Full PDB file with SEQRES, HELIX, SHEET, SSBOND, CRYST1, ORIGX, SCALE, CONECT and MASTER records, all heavy atoms in Angstrom:
SEQRES   1 A   35  HIS ALA LYS ASN THR VAL TYR LEU GLN MET ASN SER LEU          
SEQRES   2 A   35  LYS PRO GLU ASP THR ALA VAL TYR TYR CYS ASN VAL GLU          
SEQRES   3 A   35  ARG ARG LYS ILE ASN TYR TRP GLY GLN                          
HELIX    1 AA1 PRO A   15  ASP A   17  5                                   3    
SHEET    1 AA1 2 ASN A  24  ARG A  27  0                                        
SHEET    2 AA1 2 ILE A  30  TRP A  33 -1                                        
CRYST1    1.000    1.000    1.000  90.00  90.00  90.00 P 1           1          
ORIGX1      1.000000  0.000000  0.000000        0.00000                         
ORIGX2      0.000000  1.000000  0.000000        0.00000                         
ORIGX3      0.000000  0.000000  1.000000        0.00000                         
SCALE1      1.000000  0.000000  0.000000        0.00000                         
SCALE2      0.000000  1.000000  0.000000        0.00000                         
SCALE3      0.000000  0.000000  1.000000        0.00000                         
ATOM      1  N   HIS A   1      89.071 176.091 -64.954  1.00  0.00           N  
ATOM      2  CA  HIS A   1      90.010 176.133 -63.800  1.00  0.00           C  
ATOM      3  C   HIS A   1      90.866 174.864 -63.746  1.00  0.00           C  
ATOM      4  O   HIS A   1      92.059 174.982 -63.380  1.00  0.00           O  
ATOM      5  CB  HIS A   1      89.272 176.366 -62.492  1.00  0.00           C  
ATOM      6  CG  HIS A   1      88.644 177.728 -62.385  1.00  0.00           C  
ATOM      7  ND1 HIS A   1      89.415 178.863 -62.314  1.00  0.00           N  
ATOM      8  CD2 HIS A   1      87.363 178.108 -62.320  1.00  0.00           C  
ATOM      9  CE1 HIS A   1      88.605 179.915 -62.200  1.00  0.00           C  
ATOM     10  NE2 HIS A   1      87.351 179.476 -62.233  1.00  0.00           N  
ATOM     11  N   ALA A   2      90.272 173.725 -64.008  1.00  0.00           N  
ATOM     12  CA  ALA A   2      91.036 172.501 -63.913  1.00  0.00           C  
ATOM     13  C   ALA A   2      92.181 172.472 -64.925  1.00  0.00           C  
ATOM     14  O   ALA A   2      93.238 171.898 -64.634  1.00  0.00           O  
ATOM     15  CB  ALA A   2      90.112 171.305 -64.152  1.00  0.00           C  
ATOM     16  N   LYS A   3      91.957 173.097 -66.044  1.00  0.00           N  
ATOM     17  CA  LYS A   3      93.052 173.131 -67.091  1.00  0.00           C  
ATOM     18  C   LYS A   3      93.824 174.416 -67.089  1.00  0.00           C  
ATOM     19  O   LYS A   3      94.750 174.575 -67.925  1.00  0.00           O  
ATOM     20  CB  LYS A   3      92.396 172.917 -68.467  1.00  0.00           C  
ATOM     21  CG  LYS A   3      91.753 171.552 -68.658  1.00  0.00           C  
ATOM     22  CD  LYS A   3      91.171 171.429 -70.076  1.00  0.00           C  
ATOM     23  CE  LYS A   3      90.526 170.050 -70.245  1.00  0.00           C  
ATOM     24  NZ  LYS A   3      89.949 169.924 -71.609  1.00  0.00           N  
ATOM     25  N   ASN A   4      93.502 175.296 -66.184  1.00  0.00           N  
ATOM     26  CA  ASN A   4      94.165 176.626 -66.103  1.00  0.00           C  
ATOM     27  C   ASN A   4      94.167 177.304 -67.475  1.00  0.00           C  
ATOM     28  O   ASN A   4      95.199 177.820 -67.877  1.00  0.00           O  
ATOM     29  CB  ASN A   4      95.577 176.458 -65.595  1.00  0.00           C  
ATOM     30  CG  ASN A   4      95.648 175.818 -64.229  1.00  0.00           C  
ATOM     31  OD1 ASN A   4      94.977 176.254 -63.272  1.00  0.00           O  
ATOM     32  ND2 ASN A   4      96.480 174.788 -64.066  1.00  0.00           N  
ATOM     33  N   THR A   5      93.001 177.291 -68.077  1.00  0.00           N  
ATOM     34  CA  THR A   5      92.898 177.804 -69.459  1.00  0.00           C  
ATOM     35  C   THR A   5      91.727 178.775 -69.561  1.00  0.00           C  
ATOM     36  O   THR A   5      90.659 178.520 -68.995  1.00  0.00           O  
ATOM     37  CB  THR A   5      92.721 176.616 -70.432  1.00  0.00           C  
ATOM     38  OG1 THR A   5      93.855 175.724 -70.317  1.00  0.00           O  
ATOM     39  CG2 THR A   5      92.607 177.092 -71.863  1.00  0.00           C  
ATOM     40  N   VAL A   6      91.975 179.753 -70.359  1.00  0.00           N  
ATOM     41  CA  VAL A   6      90.884 180.736 -70.717  1.00  0.00           C  
ATOM     42  C   VAL A   6      90.684 180.634 -72.210  1.00  0.00           C  
ATOM     43  O   VAL A   6      91.638 180.475 -72.991  1.00  0.00           O  
ATOM     44  CB  VAL A   6      91.186 182.152 -70.241  1.00  0.00           C  
ATOM     45  CG1 VAL A   6      92.463 182.693 -70.915  1.00  0.00           C  
ATOM     46  CG2 VAL A   6      90.028 183.073 -70.476  1.00  0.00           C  
ATOM     47  N   TYR A   7      89.448 180.760 -72.628  1.00  0.00           N  
ATOM     48  CA  TYR A   7      89.081 180.632 -74.004  1.00  0.00           C  
ATOM     49  C   TYR A   7      88.377 181.901 -74.500  1.00  0.00           C  
ATOM     50  O   TYR A   7      87.781 182.624 -73.721  1.00  0.00           O  
ATOM     51  CB  TYR A   7      88.110 179.470 -74.260  1.00  0.00           C  
ATOM     52  CG  TYR A   7      88.667 178.122 -73.769  1.00  0.00           C  
ATOM     53  CD1 TYR A   7      88.320 177.661 -72.522  1.00  0.00           C  
ATOM     54  CD2 TYR A   7      89.436 177.346 -74.578  1.00  0.00           C  
ATOM     55  CE1 TYR A   7      88.777 176.466 -72.027  1.00  0.00           C  
ATOM     56  CE2 TYR A   7      89.934 176.136 -74.151  1.00  0.00           C  
ATOM     57  CZ  TYR A   7      89.580 175.688 -72.865  1.00  0.00           C  
ATOM     58  OH  TYR A   7      90.044 174.486 -72.439  1.00  0.00           O  
ATOM     59  N   LEU A   8      88.480 182.140 -75.781  1.00  0.00           N  
ATOM     60  CA  LEU A   8      87.706 183.177 -76.431  1.00  0.00           C  
ATOM     61  C   LEU A   8      87.083 182.617 -77.675  1.00  0.00           C  
ATOM     62  O   LEU A   8      87.769 182.369 -78.678  1.00  0.00           O  
ATOM     63  CB  LEU A   8      88.591 184.411 -76.796  1.00  0.00           C  
ATOM     64  CG  LEU A   8      87.845 185.609 -77.337  1.00  0.00           C  
ATOM     65  CD1 LEU A   8      86.926 186.249 -76.269  1.00  0.00           C  
ATOM     66  CD2 LEU A   8      88.789 186.651 -77.903  1.00  0.00           C  
ATOM     67  N   GLN A   9      85.788 182.374 -77.598  1.00  0.00           N  
ATOM     68  CA  GLN A   9      85.026 181.876 -78.736  1.00  0.00           C  
ATOM     69  C   GLN A   9      84.593 183.089 -79.567  1.00  0.00           C  
ATOM     70  O   GLN A   9      83.861 183.958 -79.068  1.00  0.00           O  
ATOM     71  CB  GLN A   9      83.816 181.066 -78.284  1.00  0.00           C  
ATOM     72  CG  GLN A   9      82.957 180.576 -79.450  1.00  0.00           C  
ATOM     73  CD  GLN A   9      83.644 179.552 -80.265  1.00  0.00           C  
ATOM     74  OE1 GLN A   9      84.293 178.622 -79.744  1.00  0.00           O  
ATOM     75  NE2 GLN A   9      83.600 179.694 -81.584  1.00  0.00           N  
ATOM     76  N   MET A  10      85.024 183.112 -80.787  1.00  0.00           N  
ATOM     77  CA  MET A  10      84.758 184.250 -81.679  1.00  0.00           C  
ATOM     78  C   MET A  10      83.902 183.810 -82.820  1.00  0.00           C  
ATOM     79  O   MET A  10      84.287 182.969 -83.625  1.00  0.00           O  
ATOM     80  CB  MET A  10      86.081 184.877 -82.197  1.00  0.00           C  
ATOM     81  CG  MET A  10      87.032 185.287 -81.096  1.00  0.00           C  
ATOM     82  SD  MET A  10      88.512 186.115 -81.724  1.00  0.00           S  
ATOM     83  CE  MET A  10      89.246 184.780 -82.670  1.00  0.00           C  
ATOM     84  N   ASN A  11      82.651 184.316 -82.894  1.00  0.00           N  
ATOM     85  CA  ASN A  11      81.731 183.980 -83.942  1.00  0.00           C  
ATOM     86  C   ASN A  11      81.429 185.235 -84.785  1.00  0.00           C  
ATOM     87  O   ASN A  11      81.664 186.392 -84.382  1.00  0.00           O  
ATOM     88  CB  ASN A  11      80.398 183.478 -83.328  1.00  0.00           C  
ATOM     89  CG  ASN A  11      80.626 182.197 -82.524  1.00  0.00           C  
ATOM     90  OD1 ASN A  11      81.416 181.347 -82.898  1.00  0.00           O  
ATOM     91  ND2 ASN A  11      79.838 182.042 -81.474  1.00  0.00           N  
ATOM     92  N   SER A  12      80.876 184.993 -85.915  1.00  0.00           N  
ATOM     93  CA  SER A  12      80.484 186.067 -86.827  1.00  0.00           C  
ATOM     94  C   SER A  12      81.619 187.058 -87.054  1.00  0.00           C  
ATOM     95  O   SER A  12      81.492 188.285 -86.962  1.00  0.00           O  
ATOM     96  CB  SER A  12      79.240 186.817 -86.348  1.00  0.00           C  
ATOM     97  OG  SER A  12      78.167 185.920 -86.184  1.00  0.00           O  
ATOM     98  N   LEU A  13      82.780 186.523 -87.329  1.00  0.00           N  
ATOM     99  CA  LEU A  13      83.985 187.353 -87.412  1.00  0.00           C  
ATOM    100  C   LEU A  13      83.889 188.309 -88.588  1.00  0.00           C  
ATOM    101  O   LEU A  13      83.353 187.987 -89.643  1.00  0.00           O  
ATOM    102  CB  LEU A  13      85.224 186.469 -87.565  1.00  0.00           C  
ATOM    103  CG  LEU A  13      85.679 185.849 -86.241  1.00  0.00           C  
ATOM    104  CD1 LEU A  13      86.617 184.684 -86.468  1.00  0.00           C  
ATOM    105  CD2 LEU A  13      86.322 186.888 -85.351  1.00  0.00           C  
ATOM    106  N   LYS A  14      84.463 189.498 -88.372  1.00  0.00           N  
ATOM    107  CA  LYS A  14      84.467 190.562 -89.348  1.00  0.00           C  
ATOM    108  C   LYS A  14      85.898 190.926 -89.701  1.00  0.00           C  
ATOM    109  O   LYS A  14      86.781 190.695 -88.895  1.00  0.00           O  
ATOM    110  CB  LYS A  14      83.752 191.804 -88.805  1.00  0.00           C  
ATOM    111  CG  LYS A  14      82.333 191.554 -88.333  1.00  0.00           C  
ATOM    112  CD  LYS A  14      81.757 192.829 -87.677  1.00  0.00           C  
ATOM    113  CE  LYS A  14      80.345 192.584 -87.168  1.00  0.00           C  
ATOM    114  NZ  LYS A  14      79.805 193.778 -86.503  1.00  0.00           N  
ATOM    115  N   PRO A  15      86.106 191.506 -90.846  1.00  0.00           N  
ATOM    116  CA  PRO A  15      87.469 191.921 -91.177  1.00  0.00           C  
ATOM    117  C   PRO A  15      88.131 192.861 -90.157  1.00  0.00           C  
ATOM    118  O   PRO A  15      89.303 192.785 -89.923  1.00  0.00           O  
ATOM    119  CB  PRO A  15      87.309 192.627 -92.553  1.00  0.00           C  
ATOM    120  CG  PRO A  15      86.128 191.957 -93.149  1.00  0.00           C  
ATOM    121  CD  PRO A  15      85.211 191.662 -91.997  1.00  0.00           C  
ATOM    122  N   GLU A  16      87.308 193.678 -89.543  1.00  0.00           N  
ATOM    123  CA  GLU A  16      87.841 194.567 -88.529  1.00  0.00           C  
ATOM    124  C   GLU A  16      88.243 193.878 -87.246  1.00  0.00           C  
ATOM    125  O   GLU A  16      88.845 194.518 -86.358  1.00  0.00           O  
ATOM    126  CB  GLU A  16      86.819 195.709 -88.199  1.00  0.00           C  
ATOM    127  CG  GLU A  16      85.433 195.181 -87.896  1.00  0.00           C  
ATOM    128  CD  GLU A  16      84.523 195.213 -89.116  1.00  0.00           C  
ATOM    129  OE1 GLU A  16      84.954 194.864 -90.188  1.00  0.00           O  
ATOM    130  OE2 GLU A  16      83.356 195.645 -88.949  1.00  0.00           O  
ATOM    131  N   ASP A  17      87.973 192.572 -87.122  1.00  0.00           N  
ATOM    132  CA  ASP A  17      88.452 191.796 -85.997  1.00  0.00           C  
ATOM    133  C   ASP A  17      89.917 191.375 -86.217  1.00  0.00           C  
ATOM    134  O   ASP A  17      90.519 190.842 -85.287  1.00  0.00           O  
ATOM    135  CB  ASP A  17      87.610 190.564 -85.781  1.00  0.00           C  
ATOM    136  CG  ASP A  17      86.215 190.918 -85.331  1.00  0.00           C  
ATOM    137  OD1 ASP A  17      86.015 191.825 -84.495  1.00  0.00           O  
ATOM    138  OD2 ASP A  17      85.260 190.267 -85.832  1.00  0.00           O  
ATOM    139  N   THR A  18      90.465 191.621 -87.383  1.00  0.00           N  
ATOM    140  CA  THR A  18      91.822 191.256 -87.668  1.00  0.00           C  
ATOM    141  C   THR A  18      92.764 191.986 -86.728  1.00  0.00           C  
ATOM    142  O   THR A  18      92.779 193.202 -86.647  1.00  0.00           O  
ATOM    143  CB  THR A  18      92.175 191.558 -89.120  1.00  0.00           C  
ATOM    144  OG1 THR A  18      91.372 190.739 -89.978  1.00  0.00           O  
ATOM    145  CG2 THR A  18      93.647 191.251 -89.438  1.00  0.00           C  
ATOM    146  N   ALA A  19      93.605 191.188 -86.047  1.00  0.00           N  
ATOM    147  CA  ALA A  19      94.530 191.778 -85.067  1.00  0.00           C  
ATOM    148  C   ALA A  19      95.347 190.662 -84.471  1.00  0.00           C  
ATOM    149  O   ALA A  19      95.121 189.465 -84.723  1.00  0.00           O  
ATOM    150  CB  ALA A  19      93.781 192.540 -83.945  1.00  0.00           C  
ATOM    151  N   VAL A  20      96.379 191.041 -83.730  1.00  0.00           N  
ATOM    152  CA  VAL A  20      97.090 190.112 -82.892  1.00  0.00           C  
ATOM    153  C   VAL A  20      96.345 190.076 -81.565  1.00  0.00           C  
ATOM    154  O   VAL A  20      96.140 191.107 -80.934  1.00  0.00           O  
ATOM    155  CB  VAL A  20      98.557 190.500 -82.693  1.00  0.00           C  
ATOM    156  CG1 VAL A  20      99.239 189.477 -81.739  1.00  0.00           C  
ATOM    157  CG2 VAL A  20      99.274 190.504 -84.049  1.00  0.00           C  
ATOM    158  N   TYR A  21      95.977 188.891 -81.110  1.00  0.00           N  
ATOM    159  CA  TYR A  21      95.275 188.731 -79.870  1.00  0.00           C  
ATOM    160  C   TYR A  21      96.194 188.247 -78.779  1.00  0.00           C  
ATOM    161  O   TYR A  21      96.939 187.284 -79.002  1.00  0.00           O  
ATOM    162  CB  TYR A  21      94.091 187.741 -80.068  1.00  0.00           C  
ATOM    163  CG  TYR A  21      92.942 188.340 -80.790  1.00  0.00           C  
ATOM    164  CD1 TYR A  21      93.027 188.611 -82.171  1.00  0.00           C  
ATOM    165  CD2 TYR A  21      91.766 188.630 -80.126  1.00  0.00           C  
ATOM    166  CE1 TYR A  21      91.955 189.188 -82.862  1.00  0.00           C  
ATOM    167  CE2 TYR A  21      90.691 189.194 -80.815  1.00  0.00           C  
ATOM    168  CZ  TYR A  21      90.792 189.463 -82.145  1.00  0.00           C  
ATOM    169  OH  TYR A  21      89.729 190.046 -82.828  1.00  0.00           O  
ATOM    170  N   TYR A  22      96.135 188.916 -77.685  1.00  0.00           N  
ATOM    171  CA  TYR A  22      97.014 188.601 -76.544  1.00  0.00           C  
ATOM    172  C   TYR A  22      96.233 188.137 -75.340  1.00  0.00           C  
ATOM    173  O   TYR A  22      95.287 188.776 -74.921  1.00  0.00           O  
ATOM    174  CB  TYR A  22      97.862 189.851 -76.121  1.00  0.00           C  
ATOM    175  CG  TYR A  22      98.780 190.335 -77.188  1.00  0.00           C  
ATOM    176  CD1 TYR A  22      98.383 191.302 -78.119  1.00  0.00           C  
ATOM    177  CD2 TYR A  22     100.092 189.903 -77.281  1.00  0.00           C  
ATOM    178  CE1 TYR A  22      99.195 191.792 -79.096  1.00  0.00           C  
ATOM    179  CE2 TYR A  22     100.967 190.384 -78.243  1.00  0.00           C  
ATOM    180  CZ  TYR A  22     100.525 191.309 -79.139  1.00  0.00           C  
ATOM    181  OH  TYR A  22     101.369 191.792 -80.114  1.00  0.00           O  
ATOM    182  N   CYS A  23      96.692 187.059 -74.768  1.00  0.00           N  
ATOM    183  CA  CYS A  23      96.118 186.608 -73.495  1.00  0.00           C  
ATOM    184  C   CYS A  23      96.743 187.407 -72.355  1.00  0.00           C  
ATOM    185  O   CYS A  23      97.935 187.748 -72.405  1.00  0.00           O  
ATOM    186  CB  CYS A  23      96.390 185.127 -73.342  1.00  0.00           C  
ATOM    187  SG  CYS A  23      95.812 184.396 -71.763  1.00  0.00           S  
ATOM    188  N   ASN A  24      95.948 187.719 -71.366  1.00  0.00           N  
ATOM    189  CA  ASN A  24      96.444 188.455 -70.213  1.00  0.00           C  
ATOM    190  C   ASN A  24      95.867 187.830 -68.958  1.00  0.00           C  
ATOM    191  O   ASN A  24      94.688 187.454 -68.872  1.00  0.00           O  
ATOM    192  CB  ASN A  24      95.964 189.909 -70.307  1.00  0.00           C  
ATOM    193  CG  ASN A  24      96.266 190.690 -69.029  1.00  0.00           C  
ATOM    194  OD1 ASN A  24      95.443 190.769 -68.122  1.00  0.00           O  
ATOM    195  ND2 ASN A  24      97.451 191.228 -68.938  1.00  0.00           N  
ATOM    196  N   VAL A  25      96.752 187.670 -67.978  1.00  0.00           N  
ATOM    197  CA  VAL A  25      96.380 187.169 -66.663  1.00  0.00           C  
ATOM    198  C   VAL A  25      96.820 188.150 -65.610  1.00  0.00           C  
ATOM    199  O   VAL A  25      97.977 188.606 -65.643  1.00  0.00           O  
ATOM    200  CB  VAL A  25      96.961 185.774 -66.409  1.00  0.00           C  
ATOM    201  CG1 VAL A  25      96.766 185.323 -64.954  1.00  0.00           C  
ATOM    202  CG2 VAL A  25      96.297 184.755 -67.337  1.00  0.00           C  
ATOM    203  N   GLU A  26      95.961 188.456 -64.678  1.00  0.00           N  
ATOM    204  CA  GLU A  26      96.298 189.291 -63.553  1.00  0.00           C  
ATOM    205  C   GLU A  26      96.438 188.420 -62.315  1.00  0.00           C  
ATOM    206  O   GLU A  26      95.487 187.719 -61.963  1.00  0.00           O  
ATOM    207  CB  GLU A  26      95.247 190.378 -63.344  1.00  0.00           C  
ATOM    208  CG  GLU A  26      95.602 191.325 -62.194  1.00  0.00           C  
ATOM    209  CD  GLU A  26      94.536 192.421 -62.020  1.00  0.00           C  
ATOM    210  OE1 GLU A  26      94.159 193.028 -63.017  1.00  0.00           O  
ATOM    211  OE2 GLU A  26      94.068 192.563 -60.876  1.00  0.00           O  
ATOM    212  N   ARG A  27      97.581 188.527 -61.669  1.00  0.00           N  
ATOM    213  CA  ARG A  27      97.833 187.822 -60.425  1.00  0.00           C  
ATOM    214  C   ARG A  27      98.478 188.752 -59.479  1.00  0.00           C  
ATOM    215  O   ARG A  27      99.578 189.308 -59.770  1.00  0.00           O  
ATOM    216  CB  ARG A  27      98.687 186.593 -60.670  1.00  0.00           C  
ATOM    217  CG  ARG A  27      98.983 185.814 -59.395  1.00  0.00           C  
ATOM    218  CD  ARG A  27      99.845 184.567 -59.692  1.00  0.00           C  
ATOM    219  NE  ARG A  27     100.094 183.788 -58.483  1.00  0.00           N  
ATOM    220  CZ  ARG A  27     101.118 184.012 -57.651  1.00  0.00           C  
ATOM    221  NH1 ARG A  27     101.992 184.969 -57.876  1.00  0.00           N  
ATOM    222  NH2 ARG A  27     101.277 183.224 -56.590  1.00  0.00           N  
ATOM    223  N   ARG A  28      97.887 188.981 -58.387  1.00  0.00           N  
ATOM    224  CA  ARG A  28      98.390 189.888 -57.324  1.00  0.00           C  
ATOM    225  C   ARG A  28      98.768 191.241 -57.896  1.00  0.00           C  
ATOM    226  O   ARG A  28      99.824 191.775 -57.648  1.00  0.00           O  
ATOM    227  CB  ARG A  28      99.600 189.232 -56.642  1.00  0.00           C  
ATOM    228  CG  ARG A  28      99.252 187.965 -55.881  1.00  0.00           C  
ATOM    229  CD  ARG A  28     100.472 187.377 -55.175  1.00  0.00           C  
ATOM    230  NE  ARG A  28     100.135 186.139 -54.427  1.00  0.00           N  
ATOM    231  CZ  ARG A  28      99.724 186.173 -53.179  1.00  0.00           C  
ATOM    232  NH1 ARG A  28      99.579 187.327 -52.492  1.00  0.00           N  
ATOM    233  NH2 ARG A  28      99.456 185.029 -52.580  1.00  0.00           N  
ATOM    234  N   LYS A  29      97.900 191.747 -58.724  1.00  0.00           N  
ATOM    235  CA  LYS A  29      97.996 193.082 -59.344  1.00  0.00           C  
ATOM    236  C   LYS A  29      99.149 193.204 -60.309  1.00  0.00           C  
ATOM    237  O   LYS A  29      99.563 194.269 -60.678  1.00  0.00           O  
ATOM    238  CB  LYS A  29      98.102 194.174 -58.268  1.00  0.00           C  
ATOM    239  CG  LYS A  29      96.938 194.197 -57.302  1.00  0.00           C  
ATOM    240  CD  LYS A  29      95.645 194.439 -58.056  1.00  0.00           C  
ATOM    241  CE  LYS A  29      94.431 194.456 -57.138  1.00  0.00           C  
ATOM    242  NZ  LYS A  29      94.415 195.645 -56.281  1.00  0.00           N  
ATOM    243  N   ILE A  30      99.679 192.037 -60.786  1.00  0.00           N  
ATOM    244  CA  ILE A  30     100.689 191.999 -61.787  1.00  0.00           C  
ATOM    245  C   ILE A  30     100.118 191.376 -63.048  1.00  0.00           C  
ATOM    246  O   ILE A  30      99.482 190.341 -62.945  1.00  0.00           O  
ATOM    247  CB  ILE A  30     101.936 191.285 -61.314  1.00  0.00           C  
ATOM    248  CG1 ILE A  30     102.558 191.989 -60.104  1.00  0.00           C  
ATOM    249  CG2 ILE A  30     102.986 191.151 -62.421  1.00  0.00           C  
ATOM    250  CD1 ILE A  30     103.736 191.245 -59.523  1.00  0.00           C  
ATOM    251  N   ASN A  31     100.353 191.989 -64.162  1.00  0.00           N  
ATOM    252  CA  ASN A  31      99.856 191.509 -65.462  1.00  0.00           C  
ATOM    253  C   ASN A  31     100.894 190.602 -66.141  1.00  0.00           C  
ATOM    254  O   ASN A  31     102.055 190.997 -66.233  1.00  0.00           O  
ATOM    255  CB  ASN A  31      99.439 192.639 -66.366  1.00  0.00           C  
ATOM    256  CG  ASN A  31      98.179 193.323 -65.869  1.00  0.00           C  
ATOM    257  OD1 ASN A  31      97.211 192.646 -65.441  1.00  0.00           O  
ATOM    258  ND2 ASN A  31      98.155 194.628 -65.974  1.00  0.00           N  
ATOM    259  N   TYR A  32     100.441 189.522 -66.704  1.00  0.00           N  
ATOM    260  CA  TYR A  32     101.284 188.633 -67.469  1.00  0.00           C  
ATOM    261  C   TYR A  32     100.683 188.526 -68.875  1.00  0.00           C  
ATOM    262  O   TYR A  32      99.470 188.465 -69.019  1.00  0.00           O  
ATOM    263  CB  TYR A  32     101.417 187.279 -66.834  1.00  0.00           C  
ATOM    264  CG  TYR A  32     102.037 187.318 -65.454  1.00  0.00           C  
ATOM    265  CD1 TYR A  32     101.258 187.518 -64.329  1.00  0.00           C  
ATOM    266  CD2 TYR A  32     103.401 187.151 -65.262  1.00  0.00           C  
ATOM    267  CE1 TYR A  32     101.789 187.610 -63.074  1.00  0.00           C  
ATOM    268  CE2 TYR A  32     103.977 187.234 -64.042  1.00  0.00           C  
ATOM    269  CZ  TYR A  32     103.172 187.443 -62.915  1.00  0.00           C  
ATOM    270  OH  TYR A  32     103.766 187.514 -61.669  1.00  0.00           O  
ATOM    271  N   TRP A  33     101.535 188.425 -69.854  1.00  0.00           N  
ATOM    272  CA  TRP A  33     101.114 188.466 -71.239  1.00  0.00           C  
ATOM    273  C   TRP A  33     101.601 187.247 -72.005  1.00  0.00           C  
ATOM    274  O   TRP A  33     102.730 186.798 -71.819  1.00  0.00           O  
ATOM    275  CB  TRP A  33     101.613 189.721 -71.964  1.00  0.00           C  
ATOM    276  CG  TRP A  33     101.068 190.991 -71.400  1.00  0.00           C  
ATOM    277  CD1 TRP A  33     101.628 191.740 -70.384  1.00  0.00           C  
ATOM    278  CD2 TRP A  33      99.862 191.651 -71.744  1.00  0.00           C  
ATOM    279  NE1 TRP A  33     100.843 192.822 -70.137  1.00  0.00           N  
ATOM    280  CE2 TRP A  33      99.742 192.798 -70.928  1.00  0.00           C  
ATOM    281  CE3 TRP A  33      98.869 191.356 -72.655  1.00  0.00           C  
ATOM    282  CZ2 TRP A  33      98.652 193.700 -71.056  1.00  0.00           C  
ATOM    283  CZ3 TRP A  33      97.795 192.251 -72.763  1.00  0.00           C  
ATOM    284  CH2 TRP A  33      97.697 193.387 -71.976  1.00  0.00           C  
ATOM    285  N   GLY A  34     100.764 186.800 -72.919  1.00  0.00           N  
ATOM    286  CA  GLY A  34     101.236 185.810 -73.876  1.00  0.00           C  
ATOM    287  C   GLY A  34     101.940 186.479 -75.045  1.00  0.00           C  
ATOM    288  O   GLY A  34     102.067 187.666 -75.125  1.00  0.00           O  
ATOM    289  N   GLN A  35     102.460 185.650 -75.920  1.00  0.00           N  
ATOM    290  CA  GLN A  35     103.215 186.146 -77.073  1.00  0.00           C  
ATOM    291  C   GLN A  35     102.288 186.716 -78.167  1.00  0.00           C  
ATOM    292  O   GLN A  35     102.759 187.493 -78.981  1.00  0.00           O  
ATOM    293  CB  GLN A  35     104.091 185.061 -77.634  1.00  0.00           C  
ATOM    294  CG  GLN A  35     105.220 184.604 -76.716  1.00  0.00           C  
ATOM    295  CD  GLN A  35     106.227 185.730 -76.505  1.00  0.00           C  
ATOM    296  OE1 GLN A  35     106.704 186.335 -77.483  1.00  0.00           O  
ATOM    297  NE2 GLN A  35     106.560 185.998 -75.241  1.00  0.00           N  
TER     298      GLN A  35                                                      
MASTER        0    0    0    1    2    0    0    6  297    1    0    3          
END                                                                             
């Protein structure tokens, strides 16, 4: 919270995990997306 940051630690990665990963934040029922 202090850094306003969310993390995703991904271990034991598999080829099927290959994708574009998007960050999403919900604020007041509105969704915001990263690139």
